[in-house]
Amino acid sequence: MTTAGPDLYNDDQVLLLSGNSGKEIKRPTPLPKLQISVLMLSSLVEPIASQCIYPFINQLIRELDITGGDETKVGYYAGMIVRNNHYHTHTVNG
């Protein structure tokens, strides 16, 4: 029975000792181009989608009867929604 030194069975050094003593050539990992393009497209589409609500805010406030029939308050509540949408967008997107 041959006895090996404690260094051969040390788990910390097993990976360092195996292989071609550092002469192994590493090829670069390819980028996931499809996934990156989907993320870029979604980051382009999201601001456009959030801007589409602006022409319909006044009608939304009138139909939900938030102002209680007072047409002079529609602009105030529309401004509140636009302002909150702006802050929410900046908070979420950094």
PDB file of N, CA and C in Angstrom:
ATOM      1  N   MET A   1       0.844  -1.161   0.000  1.00  0.00           N
ATOM      2  CA  MET A   1       0.000   0.000   0.000  1.00  0.00           C
ATOM      3  C   MET A   1       0.892   1.228   0.000  1.00  0.00           C
ATOM      4  N   THR A   2       0.641   2.079  -0.945  1.00  0.00           N
ATOM      5  CA  THR A   2       1.446   3.298  -1.021  1.00  0.00           C
ATOM      6  C   THR A   2       0.710   4.399  -0.307  1.00  0.00           C
ATOM      7  N   THR A   3       1.444   5.174   0.385  1.00  0.00           N
ATOM      8  CA  THR A   3       0.839   6.302   1.097  1.00  0.00           C
ATOM      9  C   THR A   3       1.226   7.580   0.385  1.00  0.00           C
ATOM     10  N   ALA A   4       0.250   8.345   0.080  1.00  0.00           N
ATOM     11  CA  ALA A   4       0.500   9.628  -0.577  1.00  0.00           C
ATOM     12  C   ALA A   4       0.519  10.711   0.480  1.00  0.00           C
ATOM     13  N   GLY A   5       1.185  11.769   0.145  1.00  0.00           N
ATOM     14  CA  GLY A   5       1.244  12.889   1.072  1.00  0.00           C
ATOM     15  C   GLY A   5      -0.126  13.544   1.216  1.00  0.00           C
ATOM     16  N   PRO A   6      -0.319  14.332   2.234  1.00  0.00           N
ATOM     17  CA  PRO A   6      -1.621  14.958   2.466  1.00  0.00           C
ATOM     18  C   PRO A   6      -1.989  15.978   1.392  1.00  0.00           C
ATOM     19  N   ASP A   7      -1.007  16.451   0.606  1.00  0.00           N
ATOM     20  CA  ASP A   7      -1.299  17.464  -0.404  1.00  0.00           C
ATOM     21  C   ASP A   7      -2.101  16.912  -1.580  1.00  0.00           C
ATOM     22  N   LEU A   8      -1.960  15.619  -1.906  1.00  0.00           N
ATOM     23  CA  LEU A   8      -2.663  15.062  -3.045  1.00  0.00           C
ATOM     24  C   LEU A   8      -4.160  14.934  -2.807  1.00  0.00           C
ATOM     25  N   TYR A   9      -4.576  14.836  -1.568  1.00  0.00           N
ATOM     26  CA  TYR A   9      -5.990  14.661  -1.262  1.00  0.00           C
ATOM     27  C   TYR A   9      -6.633  15.906  -0.683  1.00  0.00           C
ATOM     28  N   ASN A  10      -5.933  16.992  -0.723  1.00  0.00           N
ATOM     29  CA  ASN A  10      -6.477  18.248  -0.216  1.00  0.00           C
ATOM     30  C   ASN A  10      -7.446  18.812  -1.260  1.00  0.00           C
ATOM     31  N   ASP A  11      -8.698  19.004  -0.884  1.00  0.00           N
ATOM     32  CA  ASP A  11      -9.724  19.468  -1.820  1.00  0.00           C
ATOM     33  C   ASP A  11      -9.431  20.859  -2.369  1.00  0.00           C
ATOM     34  N   ASP A  12      -8.745  21.679  -1.630  1.00  0.00           N
ATOM     35  CA  ASP A  12      -8.461  23.032  -2.090  1.00  0.00           C
ATOM     36  C   ASP A  12      -7.487  23.042  -3.260  1.00  0.00           C
ATOM     37  N   GLN A  13      -6.660  22.037  -3.387  1.00  0.00           N
ATOM     38  CA  GLN A  13      -5.635  22.035  -4.416  1.00  0.00           C
ATOM     39  C   GLN A  13      -5.919  21.074  -5.563  1.00  0.00           C
ATOM     40  N   VAL A  14      -7.002  20.334  -5.511  1.00  0.00           N
ATOM     41  CA  VAL A  14      -7.276  19.339  -6.546  1.00  0.00           C
ATOM     42  C   VAL A  14      -7.460  20.011  -7.897  1.00  0.00           C
ATOM     43  N   LEU A  15      -8.245  21.081  -7.948  1.00  0.00           N
ATOM     44  CA  LEU A  15      -8.475  21.749  -9.217  1.00  0.00           C
ATOM     45  C   LEU A  15      -7.227  22.449  -9.733  1.00  0.00           C
ATOM     46  N   LEU A  16      -6.388  22.895  -8.845  1.00  0.00           N
ATOM     47  CA  LEU A  16      -5.160  23.553  -9.268  1.00  0.00           C
ATOM     48  C   LEU A  16      -4.157  22.561  -9.836  1.00  0.00           C
ATOM     49  N   LEU A  17      -4.167  21.345  -9.337  1.00  0.00           N
ATOM     50  CA  LEU A  17      -3.205  20.360  -9.791  1.00  0.00           C
ATOM     51  C   LEU A  17      -3.662  19.647 -11.054  1.00  0.00           C
ATOM     52  N   SER A  18      -4.967  19.571 -11.303  1.00  0.00           N
ATOM     53  CA  SER A  18      -5.434  18.873 -12.493  1.00  0.00           C
ATOM     54  C   SER A  18      -5.376  19.800 -13.700  1.00  0.00           C
ATOM     55  N   GLY A  19      -5.307  19.231 -14.882  1.00  0.00           N
ATOM     56  CA  GLY A  19      -5.286  20.045 -16.093  1.00  0.00           C
ATOM     57  C   GLY A  19      -3.906  20.096 -16.712  1.00  0.00           C
ATOM     58  N   ASN A  20      -3.726  21.043 -17.596  1.00  0.00           N
ATOM     59  CA  ASN A  20      -2.478  21.163 -18.345  1.00  0.00           C
ATOM     60  C   ASN A  20      -1.565  22.230 -17.765  1.00  0.00           C
ATOM     61  N   SER A  21      -1.526  22.347 -16.515  1.00  0.00           N
ATOM     62  CA  SER A  21      -0.671  23.298 -15.791  1.00  0.00           C
ATOM     63  C   SER A  21      -0.819  24.726 -16.306  1.00  0.00           C
ATOM     64  N   GLY A  22      -2.063  25.153 -16.551  1.00  0.00           N
ATOM     65  CA  GLY A  22      -2.333  26.532 -16.924  1.00  0.00           C
ATOM     66  C   GLY A  22      -2.134  26.854 -18.391  1.00  0.00           C
ATOM     67  N   LYS A  23      -1.814  25.862 -19.225  1.00  0.00           N
ATOM     68  CA  LYS A  23      -1.590  26.114 -20.643  1.00  0.00           C
ATOM     69  C   LYS A  23      -2.862  25.925 -21.475  1.00  0.00           C
ATOM     70  N   GLU A  24      -3.966  25.704 -20.814  1.00  0.00           N
ATOM     71  CA  GLU A  24      -5.225  25.490 -21.517  1.00  0.00           C
ATOM     72  C   GLU A  24      -5.724  26.813 -22.096  1.00  0.00           C
ATOM     73  N   ILE A  25      -6.075  26.801 -23.369  1.00  0.00           N
ATOM     74  CA  ILE A  25      -6.545  28.009 -24.040  1.00  0.00           C
ATOM     75  C   ILE A  25      -8.046  28.121 -23.841  1.00  0.00           C
ATOM     76  N   LYS A  26      -8.488  29.256 -23.335  1.00  0.00           N
ATOM     77  CA  LYS A  26      -9.910  29.475 -23.101  1.00  0.00           C
ATOM     78  C   LYS A  26     -10.486  30.281 -24.254  1.00  0.00           C
ATOM     79  N   ARG A  27     -11.548  29.746 -24.838  1.00  0.00           N
ATOM     80  CA  ARG A  27     -12.230  30.468 -25.901  1.00  0.00           C
ATOM     81  C   ARG A  27     -13.265  31.394 -25.283  1.00  0.00           C
ATOM     82  N   PRO A  28     -13.492  32.546 -25.892  1.00  0.00           N
ATOM     83  CA  PRO A  28     -14.472  33.477 -25.329  1.00  0.00           C
ATOM     84  C   PRO A  28     -15.888  32.908 -25.419  1.00  0.00           C
ATOM     85  N   THR A  29     -16.679  33.220 -24.420  1.00  0.00           N
ATOM     86  CA  THR A  29     -18.060  32.773 -24.389  1.00  0.00           C
ATOM     87  C   THR A  29     -18.892  33.656 -25.306  1.00  0.00           C
ATOM     88  N   PRO A  30     -19.674  33.067 -26.207  1.00  0.00           N
ATOM     89  CA  PRO A  30     -20.476  33.894 -27.113  1.00  0.00           C
ATOM     90  C   PRO A  30     -21.605  34.602 -26.362  1.00  0.00           C
ATOM     91  N   LEU A  31     -21.929  35.797 -26.820  1.00  0.00           N
ATOM     92  CA  LEU A  31     -23.012  36.547 -26.207  1.00  0.00           C
ATOM     93  C   LEU A  31     -24.356  35.991 -26.648  1.00  0.00           C
ATOM     94  N   PRO A  32     -25.332  35.988 -25.754  1.00  0.00           N
ATOM     95  CA  PRO A  32     -26.675  35.557 -26.146  1.00  0.00           C
ATOM     96  C   PRO A  32     -27.373  36.690 -26.908  1.00  0.00           C
ATOM     97  N   LYS A  33     -27.129  36.776 -28.194  1.00  0.00           N
ATOM     98  CA  LYS A  33     -27.587  37.911 -28.997  1.00  0.00           C
ATOM     99  C   LYS A  33     -29.104  38.010 -29.072  1.00  0.00           C
ATOM    100  N   LEU A  34     -29.792  36.899 -29.138  1.00  0.00           N
ATOM    101  CA  LEU A  34     -31.251  36.930 -29.214  1.00  0.00           C
ATOM    102  C   LEU A  34     -31.852  37.496 -27.925  1.00  0.00           C
ATOM    103  N   GLN A  35     -31.372  37.032 -26.793  1.00  0.00           N
ATOM    104  CA  GLN A  35     -31.890  37.520 -25.520  1.00  0.00           C
ATOM    105  C   GLN A  35     -31.590  38.995 -25.322  1.00  0.00           C
ATOM    106  N   ILE A  36     -30.408  39.425 -25.700  1.00  0.00           N
ATOM    107  CA  ILE A  36     -30.046  40.835 -25.556  1.00  0.00           C
ATOM    108  C   ILE A  36     -30.901  41.703 -26.474  1.00  0.00           C
ATOM    109  N   SER A  37     -31.160  41.220 -27.700  1.00  0.00           N
ATOM    110  CA  SER A  37     -31.990  42.017 -28.604  1.00  0.00           C
ATOM    111  C   SER A  37     -33.434  42.106 -28.118  1.00  0.00           C
ATOM    112  N   VAL A  38     -33.954  41.062 -27.494  1.00  0.00           N
ATOM    113  CA  VAL A  38     -35.302  41.118 -26.929  1.00  0.00           C
ATOM    114  C   VAL A  38     -35.356  42.131 -25.788  1.00  0.00           C
ATOM    115  N   LEU A  39     -34.355  42.147 -24.939  1.00  0.00           N
ATOM    116  CA  LEU A  39     -34.309  43.126 -23.849  1.00  0.00           C
ATOM    117  C   LEU A  39     -34.194  44.548 -24.371  1.00  0.00           C
ATOM    118  N   MET A  40     -33.401  44.751 -25.405  1.00  0.00           N
ATOM    119  CA  MET A  40     -33.269  46.093 -25.976  1.00  0.00           C
ATOM    120  C   MET A  40     -34.577  46.552 -26.615  1.00  0.00           C
ATOM    121  N   LEU A  41     -35.270  45.649 -27.285  1.00  0.00           N
ATOM    122  CA  LEU A  41     -36.555  45.980 -27.891  1.00  0.00           C
ATOM    123  C   LEU A  41     -37.595  46.323 -26.828  1.00  0.00           C
ATOM    124  N   SER A  42     -37.620  45.559 -25.745  1.00  0.00           N
ATOM    125  CA  SER A  42     -38.588  45.856 -24.689  1.00  0.00           C
ATOM    126  C   SER A  42     -38.274  47.170 -23.984  1.00  0.00           C
ATOM    127  N   SER A  43     -37.010  47.515 -23.864  1.00  0.00           N
ATOM    128  CA  SER A  43     -36.675  48.800 -23.247  1.00  0.00           C
ATOM    129  C   SER A  43     -37.010  49.966 -24.167  1.00  0.00           C
ATOM    130  N   LEU A  44     -37.117  49.713 -25.472  1.00  0.00           N
ATOM    131  CA  LEU A  44     -37.536  50.740 -26.416  1.00  0.00           C
ATOM    132  C   LEU A  44     -39.054  50.891 -26.427  1.00  0.00           C
ATOM    133  N   VAL A  45     -39.774  49.787 -26.334  1.00  0.00           N
ATOM    134  CA  VAL A  45     -41.232  49.791 -26.448  1.00  0.00           C
ATOM    135  C   VAL A  45     -41.900  50.307 -25.175  1.00  0.00           C
ATOM    136  N   GLU A  46     -41.341  50.054 -24.028  1.00  0.00           N
ATOM    137  CA  GLU A  46     -41.978  50.423 -22.758  1.00  0.00           C
ATOM    138  C   GLU A  46     -42.244  51.917 -22.627  1.00  0.00           C
ATOM    139  N   PRO A  47     -41.303  52.816 -22.925  1.00  0.00           N
ATOM    140  CA  PRO A  47     -41.620  54.245 -22.836  1.00  0.00           C
ATOM    141  C   PRO A  47     -42.705  54.681 -23.815  1.00  0.00           C
ATOM    142  N   ILE A  48     -42.728  54.076 -24.994  1.00  0.00           N
ATOM    143  CA  ILE A  48     -43.764  54.412 -25.966  1.00  0.00           C
ATOM    144  C   ILE A  48     -45.138  54.007 -25.437  1.00  0.00           C
ATOM    145  N   ALA A  49     -45.216  52.839 -24.827  1.00  0.00           N
ATOM    146  CA  ALA A  49     -46.482  52.368 -24.279  1.00  0.00           C
ATOM    147  C   ALA A  49     -46.938  53.236 -23.114  1.00  0.00           C
ATOM    148  N   SER A  50     -46.013  53.714 -22.299  1.00  0.00           N
ATOM    149  CA  SER A  50     -46.415  54.552 -21.164  1.00  0.00           C
ATOM    150  C   SER A  50     -46.856  55.943 -21.618  1.00  0.00           C
ATOM    151  N   GLN A  51     -46.431  56.381 -22.798  1.00  0.00           N
ATOM    152  CA  GLN A  51     -46.847  57.680 -23.321  1.00  0.00           C
ATOM    153  C   GLN A  51     -48.224  57.637 -23.972  1.00  0.00           C
ATOM    154  N   CYS A  52     -48.705  56.463 -24.321  1.00  0.00           N
ATOM    155  CA  CYS A  52     -49.988  56.332 -25.033  1.00  0.00           C
ATOM    156  C   CYS A  52     -51.187  56.689 -24.166  1.00  0.00           C
ATOM    157  N   ILE A  53     -51.043  56.753 -22.862  1.00  0.00           N
ATOM    158  CA  ILE A  53     -52.167  57.027 -21.980  1.00  0.00           C
ATOM    159  C   ILE A  53     -52.549  58.510 -21.984  1.00  0.00           C
ATOM    160  N   TYR A  54     -51.638  59.381 -22.322  1.00  0.00           N
ATOM    161  CA  TYR A  54     -51.869  60.820 -22.181  1.00  0.00           C
ATOM    162  C   TYR A  54     -53.093  61.357 -22.939  1.00  0.00           C
ATOM    163  N   PRO A  55     -53.378  60.946 -24.173  1.00  0.00           N
ATOM    164  CA  PRO A  55     -54.576  61.501 -24.830  1.00  0.00           C
ATOM    165  C   PRO A  55     -55.895  61.062 -24.198  1.00  0.00           C
ATOM    166  N   PHE A  56     -55.877  60.016 -23.386  1.00  0.00           N
ATOM    167  CA  PHE A  56     -57.113  59.460 -22.862  1.00  0.00           C
ATOM    168  C   PHE A  56     -57.345  59.748 -21.385  1.00  0.00           C
ATOM    169  N   ILE A  57     -56.436  60.453 -20.730  1.00  0.00           N
ATOM    170  CA  ILE A  57     -56.563  60.674 -19.291  1.00  0.00           C
ATOM    171  C   ILE A  57     -57.795  61.524 -18.959  1.00  0.00           C
ATOM    172  N   ASN A  58     -58.030  62.587 -19.713  1.00  0.00           N
ATOM    173  CA  ASN A  58     -59.179  63.450 -19.412  1.00  0.00           C
ATOM    174  C   ASN A  58     -60.490  62.683 -19.530  1.00  0.00           C
ATOM    175  N   GLN A  59     -60.623  61.877 -20.562  1.00  0.00           N
ATOM    176  CA  GLN A  59     -61.843  61.093 -20.728  1.00  0.00           C
ATOM    177  C   GLN A  59     -61.983  60.069 -19.604  1.00  0.00           C
ATOM    178  N   LEU A  60     -60.890  59.470 -19.177  1.00  0.00           N
ATOM    179  CA  LEU A  60     -60.913  58.507 -18.078  1.00  0.00           C
ATOM    180  C   LEU A  60     -61.427  59.152 -16.800  1.00  0.00           C
ATOM    181  N   ILE A  61     -60.937  60.341 -16.511  1.00  0.00           N
ATOM    182  CA  ILE A  61     -61.358  61.024 -15.287  1.00  0.00           C
ATOM    183  C   ILE A  61     -62.835  61.400 -15.358  1.00  0.00           C
ATOM    184  N   ARG A  62     -63.291  61.840 -16.523  1.00  0.00           N
ATOM    185  CA  ARG A  62     -64.719  62.170 -16.680  1.00  0.00           C
ATOM    186  C   ARG A  62     -65.595  60.933 -16.508  1.00  0.00           C
ATOM    187  N   GLU A  63     -65.218  59.822 -17.127  1.00  0.00           N
ATOM    188  CA  GLU A  63     -66.044  58.618 -17.071  1.00  0.00           C
ATOM    189  C   GLU A  63     -66.035  57.950 -15.706  1.00  0.00           C
ATOM    190  N   LEU A  64     -64.939  58.066 -14.965  1.00  0.00           N
ATOM    191  CA  LEU A  64     -64.896  57.496 -13.615  1.00  0.00           C
ATOM    192  C   LEU A  64     -65.578  58.403 -12.597  1.00  0.00           C
ATOM    193  N   ASP A  65     -65.941  59.603 -13.019  1.00  0.00           N
ATOM    194  CA  ASP A  65     -66.634  60.578 -12.175  1.00  0.00           C
ATOM    195  C   ASP A  65     -65.842  60.874 -10.891  1.00  0.00           C
ATOM    196  N   ILE A  66     -64.554  61.053 -11.065  1.00  0.00           N
ATOM    197  CA  ILE A  66     -63.688  61.381  -9.928  1.00  0.00           C
ATOM    198  C   ILE A  66     -63.977  62.788  -9.429  1.00  0.00           C
ATOM    199  N   THR A  67     -64.304  63.694 -10.344  1.00  0.00           N
ATOM    200  CA  THR A  67     -64.493  65.106  -9.973  1.00  0.00           C
ATOM    201  C   THR A  67     -65.901  65.391  -9.483  1.00  0.00           C
ATOM    202  N   GLY A  68     -66.790  64.431  -9.547  1.00  0.00           N
ATOM    203  CA  GLY A  68     -68.159  64.658  -9.098  1.00  0.00           C
ATOM    204  C   GLY A  68     -68.936  65.548 -10.046  1.00  0.00           C
ATOM    205  N   GLY A  69     -68.586  65.553 -11.329  1.00  0.00           N
ATOM    206  CA  GLY A  69     -69.279  66.352 -12.324  1.00  0.00           C
ATOM    207  C   GLY A  69     -68.692  67.732 -12.539  1.00  0.00           C
ATOM    208  N   ASP A  70     -67.705  68.128 -11.770  1.00  0.00           N
ATOM    209  CA  ASP A  70     -67.076  69.447 -11.909  1.00  0.00           C
ATOM    210  C   ASP A  70     -65.974  69.357 -12.967  1.00  0.00           C
ATOM    211  N   GLU A  71     -66.261  69.909 -14.160  1.00  0.00           N
ATOM    212  CA  GLU A  71     -65.328  69.840 -15.283  1.00  0.00           C
ATOM    213  C   GLU A  71     -64.064  70.661 -15.048  1.00  0.00           C
ATOM    214  N   THR A  72     -64.083  71.606 -14.131  1.00  0.00           N
ATOM    215  CA  THR A  72     -62.895  72.438 -13.899  1.00  0.00           C
ATOM    216  C   THR A  72     -61.809  71.679 -13.143  1.00  0.00           C
ATOM    217  N   LYS A  73     -62.140  70.562 -12.496  1.00  0.00           N
ATOM    218  CA  LYS A  73     -61.160  69.791 -11.732  1.00  0.00           C
ATOM    219  C   LYS A  73     -60.523  68.659 -12.560  1.00  0.00           C
ATOM    220  N   VAL A  74     -60.995  68.458 -13.773  1.00  0.00           N
ATOM    221  CA  VAL A  74     -60.461  67.369 -14.604  1.00  0.00           C
ATOM    222  C   VAL A  74     -58.973  67.573 -14.872  1.00  0.00           C
ATOM    223  N   GLY A  75     -58.562  68.773 -15.189  1.00  0.00           N
ATOM    224  CA  GLY A  75     -57.152  69.054 -15.457  1.00  0.00           C
ATOM    225  C   GLY A  75     -56.272  68.815 -14.245  1.00  0.00           C
ATOM    226  N   TYR A  76     -56.787  69.131 -13.058  1.00  0.00           N
ATOM    227  CA  TYR A  76     -56.020  68.910 -11.825  1.00  0.00           C
ATOM    228  C   TYR A  76     -55.749  67.421 -11.632  1.00  0.00           C
ATOM    229  N   TYR A  77     -56.783  66.605 -11.747  1.00  0.00           N
ATOM    230  CA  TYR A  77     -56.608  65.170 -11.538  1.00  0.00           C
ATOM    231  C   TYR A  77     -55.813  64.521 -12.671  1.00  0.00           C
ATOM    232  N   ALA A  78     -55.951  65.042 -13.876  1.00  0.00           N
ATOM    233  CA  ALA A  78     -55.133  64.534 -14.983  1.00  0.00           C
ATOM    234  C   ALA A  78     -53.658  64.826 -14.712  1.00  0.00           C
ATOM    235  N   GLY A  79     -53.360  65.996 -14.195  1.00  0.00           N
ATOM    236  CA  GLY A  79     -51.981  66.330 -13.842  1.00  0.00           C
ATOM    237  C   GLY A  79     -51.434  65.436 -12.748  1.00  0.00           C
ATOM    238  N   MET A  80     -52.279  65.062 -11.807  1.00  0.00           N
ATOM    239  CA  MET A  80     -51.843  64.154 -10.729  1.00  0.00           C
ATOM    240  C   MET A  80     -51.457  62.786 -11.306  1.00  0.00           C
ATOM    241  N   ILE A  81     -52.259  62.286 -12.238  1.00  0.00           N
ATOM    242  CA  ILE A  81     -51.959  60.979 -12.836  1.00  0.00           C
ATOM    243  C   ILE A  81     -50.676  61.051 -13.657  1.00  0.00           C
ATOM    244  N   VAL A  82     -50.512  62.106 -14.433  1.00  0.00           N
ATOM    245  CA  VAL A  82     -49.309  62.252 -15.258  1.00  0.00           C
ATOM    246  C   VAL A  82     -48.074  62.371 -14.379  1.00  0.00           C
ATOM    247  N   ARG A  83     -48.171  63.144 -13.313  1.00  0.00           N
ATOM    248  CA  ARG A  83     -47.030  63.318 -12.415  1.00  0.00           C
ATOM    249  C   ARG A  83     -46.666  61.998 -11.746  1.00  0.00           C
ATOM    250  N   ASN A  84     -47.663  61.258 -11.264  1.00  0.00           N
ATOM    251  CA  ASN A  84     -47.376  59.978 -10.616  1.00  0.00           C
ATOM    252  C   ASN A  84     -46.813  58.970 -11.607  1.00  0.00           C
ATOM    253  N   ASN A  85     -47.285  58.992 -12.845  1.00  0.00           N
ATOM    254  CA  ASN A  85     -46.741  58.103 -13.874  1.00  0.00           C
ATOM    255  C   ASN A  85     -45.274  58.447 -14.145  1.00  0.00           C
ATOM    256  N   HIS A  86     -44.953  59.726 -14.169  1.00  0.00           N
ATOM    257  CA  HIS A  86     -43.576  60.167 -14.400  1.00  0.00           C
ATOM    258  C   HIS A  86     -42.663  59.693 -13.263  1.00  0.00           C
ATOM    259  N   TYR A  87     -43.077  59.896 -12.018  1.00  0.00           N
ATOM    260  CA  TYR A  87     -42.256  59.469 -10.883  1.00  0.00           C
ATOM    261  C   TYR A  87     -42.125  57.951 -10.831  1.00  0.00           C
ATOM    262  N   HIS A  88     -43.205  57.255 -11.139  1.00  0.00           N
ATOM    263  CA  HIS A  88     -43.163  55.798 -11.122  1.00  0.00           C
ATOM    264  C   HIS A  88     -42.186  55.277 -12.180  1.00  0.00           C
ATOM    265  N   THR A  89     -42.213  55.866 -13.370  1.00  0.00           N
ATOM    266  CA  THR A  89     -41.329  55.440 -14.437  1.00  0.00           C
ATOM    267  C   THR A  89     -39.863  55.633 -14.047  1.00  0.00           C
ATOM    268  N   HIS A  90     -39.558  56.762 -13.452  1.00  0.00           N
ATOM    269  CA  HIS A  90     -38.159  57.016 -13.045  1.00  0.00           C
ATOM    270  C   HIS A  90     -37.739  56.148 -11.867  1.00  0.00           C
ATOM    271  N   THR A  91     -38.680  55.834 -11.007  1.00  0.00           N
ATOM    272  CA  THR A  91     -38.339  54.983  -9.869  1.00  0.00           C
ATOM    273  C   THR A  91     -38.066  53.556 -10.319  1.00  0.00           C
ATOM    274  N   VAL A  92     -38.879  53.033 -11.198  1.00  0.00           N
ATOM    275  CA  VAL A  92     -38.739  51.661 -11.643  1.00  0.00           C
ATOM    276  C   VAL A  92     -37.524  51.498 -12.558  1.00  0.00           C
ATOM    277  N   ASN A  93     -37.324  52.432 -13.470  1.00  0.00           N
ATOM    278  CA  ASN A  93     -36.240  52.305 -14.447  1.00  0.00           C
ATOM    279  C   ASN A  93     -34.911  52.834 -13.960  1.00  0.00           C
ATOM    280  N   GLY A  94     -34.878  53.377 -12.787  1.00  0.00           N
ATOM    281  CA  GLY A  94     -33.604  53.795 -12.211  1.00  0.00           C
ATOM    282  C   GLY A  94     -33.236  55.147 -12.618  1.00  0.00           C
TER     283      GLY A  94
END
